[in-house]
């Protein structure tokens, strides 16, 4: 049984579309993992900032600025 050229083309097109779908899904998955990692890092930084207590009002706190870099 011989498969015609147009049938071959349709099969090849279907396989190419399937491959493109898989590659797209893999790209989306990689982006989601990256966003999850960035969200975790941001939450960690926010938690760290919330733990730092501001200095007490008054006294010498904040009255001097170190301008040597």
C-alpha atoms as a PDB file:
ATOM      1  CA  UNK A   1       0.000   0.000   0.000  1.00  0.00           C
ATOM      2  CA  UNK A   2       1.432   3.344  -1.036  1.00  0.00           C
ATOM      3  CA  UNK A   3       0.854   6.564   0.885  1.00  0.00           C
ATOM      4  CA  UNK A   4       0.304   9.593  -1.273  1.00  0.00           C
ATOM      5  CA  UNK A   5       2.442  12.716  -1.010  1.00  0.00           C
ATOM      6  CA  UNK A   6      -0.333  14.805   0.515  1.00  0.00           C
ATOM      7  CA  UNK A   7      -0.959  12.167   3.205  1.00  0.00           C
ATOM      8  CA  UNK A   8       2.742  12.139   3.985  1.00  0.00           C
ATOM      9  CA  UNK A   9       2.666  15.921   4.257  1.00  0.00           C
ATOM     10  CA  UNK A  10      -0.290  15.792   6.642  1.00  0.00           C
ATOM     11  CA  UNK A  11       1.445  13.228   8.835  1.00  0.00           C
ATOM     12  CA  UNK A  12       4.633  15.313   8.883  1.00  0.00           C
ATOM     13  CA  UNK A  13       2.637  18.453   9.704  1.00  0.00           C
ATOM     14  CA  UNK A  14       0.846  16.679  12.552  1.00  0.00           C
ATOM     15  CA  UNK A  15       4.140  15.466  13.984  1.00  0.00           C
ATOM     16  CA  UNK A  16       5.681  18.938  13.707  1.00  0.00           C
ATOM     17  CA  UNK A  17       2.687  20.504  15.453  1.00  0.00           C
ATOM     18  CA  UNK A  18       2.888  17.924  18.228  1.00  0.00           C
ATOM     19  CA  UNK A  19       6.600  18.633  18.690  1.00  0.00           C
ATOM     20  CA  UNK A  20       5.932  22.384  18.775  1.00  0.00           C
ATOM     21  CA  UNK A  21       3.246  21.841  21.424  1.00  0.00           C
ATOM     22  CA  UNK A  22       5.665  19.840  23.588  1.00  0.00           C
ATOM     23  CA  UNK A  23       8.407  22.467  23.233  1.00  0.00           C
ATOM     24  CA  UNK A  24       5.962  25.226  24.098  1.00  0.00           C
ATOM     25  CA  UNK A  25       4.788  23.356  27.184  1.00  0.00           C
ATOM     26  CA  UNK A  26       8.400  22.856  28.272  1.00  0.00           C
ATOM     27  CA  UNK A  27       9.115  26.566  27.842  1.00  0.00           C
ATOM     28  CA  UNK A  28       6.063  27.526  29.880  1.00  0.00           C
ATOM     29  CA  UNK A  29       7.107  25.074  32.583  1.00  0.00           C
ATOM     30  CA  UNK A  30      10.606  26.562  32.734  1.00  0.00           C
ATOM     31  CA  UNK A  31       9.206  30.094  33.003  1.00  0.00           C
ATOM     32  CA  UNK A  32       6.850  29.029  35.805  1.00  0.00           C
ATOM     33  CA  UNK A  33       9.729  27.431  37.727  1.00  0.00           C
ATOM     34  CA  UNK A  34      11.758  30.621  37.323  1.00  0.00           C
ATOM     35  CA  UNK A  35       8.886  32.756  38.569  1.00  0.00           C
ATOM     36  CA  UNK A  36       8.373  30.442  41.544  1.00  0.00           C
ATOM     37  CA  UNK A  37      12.058  30.732  42.442  1.00  0.00           C
ATOM     38  CA  UNK A  38      11.909  34.536  42.183  1.00  0.00           C
ATOM     39  CA  UNK A  39       8.767  34.636  44.316  1.00  0.00           C
ATOM     40  CA  UNK A  40      10.435  32.506  46.997  1.00  0.00           C
ATOM     41  CA  UNK A  41      13.491  34.769  46.990  1.00  0.00           C
ATOM     42  CA  UNK A  42      11.311  37.885  47.231  1.00  0.00           C
ATOM     43  CA  UNK A  43       9.342  36.430  50.149  1.00  0.00           C
ATOM     44  CA  UNK A  44      12.601  35.568  51.884  1.00  0.00           C
ATOM     45  CA  UNK A  45      13.853  39.144  51.467  1.00  0.00           C
ATOM     46  CA  UNK A  46      10.555  40.567  52.712  1.00  0.00           C
ATOM     47  CA  UNK A  47      10.694  38.323  55.780  1.00  0.00           C
ATOM     48  CA  UNK A  48      14.270  39.469  56.463  1.00  0.00           C
ATOM     49  CA  UNK A  49      13.318  43.139  56.199  1.00  0.00           C
ATOM     50  CA  UNK A  50      10.387  42.672  58.559  1.00  0.00           C
ATOM     51  CA  UNK A  51      12.697  41.197  61.208  1.00  0.00           C
ATOM     52  CA  UNK A  52      14.967  44.259  61.314  1.00  0.00           C
ATOM     53  CA  UNK A  53      13.847  46.655  64.043  1.00  0.00           C
ATOM     54  CA  UNK A  54      14.098  50.390  63.395  1.00  0.00           C
ATOM     55  CA  UNK A  55      16.450  52.267  65.727  1.00  0.00           C
ATOM     56  CA  UNK A  56      14.992  53.947  68.767  1.00  0.00           C
ATOM     57  CA  UNK A  57      13.966  57.579  68.314  1.00  0.00           C
ATOM     58  CA  UNK A  58      16.266  60.232  69.744  1.00  0.00           C
ATOM     59  CA  UNK A  59      19.936  60.035  70.681  1.00  0.00           C
ATOM     60  CA  UNK A  60      22.711  59.969  68.098  1.00  0.00           C
ATOM     61  CA  UNK A  61      20.872  57.555  65.872  1.00  0.00           C
ATOM     62  CA  UNK A  62      20.713  58.931  62.345  1.00  0.00           C
ATOM     63  CA  UNK A  63      22.586  62.102  63.147  1.00  0.00           C
ATOM     64  CA  UNK A  64      25.792  61.134  61.315  1.00  0.00           C
ATOM     65  CA  UNK A  65      26.256  60.200  57.660  1.00  0.00           C
ATOM     66  CA  UNK A  66      29.304  58.300  56.404  1.00  0.00           C
ATOM     67  CA  UNK A  67      30.068  59.855  53.025  1.00  0.00           C
ATOM     68  CA  UNK A  68      33.301  57.955  52.281  1.00  0.00           C
ATOM     69  CA  UNK A  69      32.626  55.241  49.760  1.00  0.00           C
END
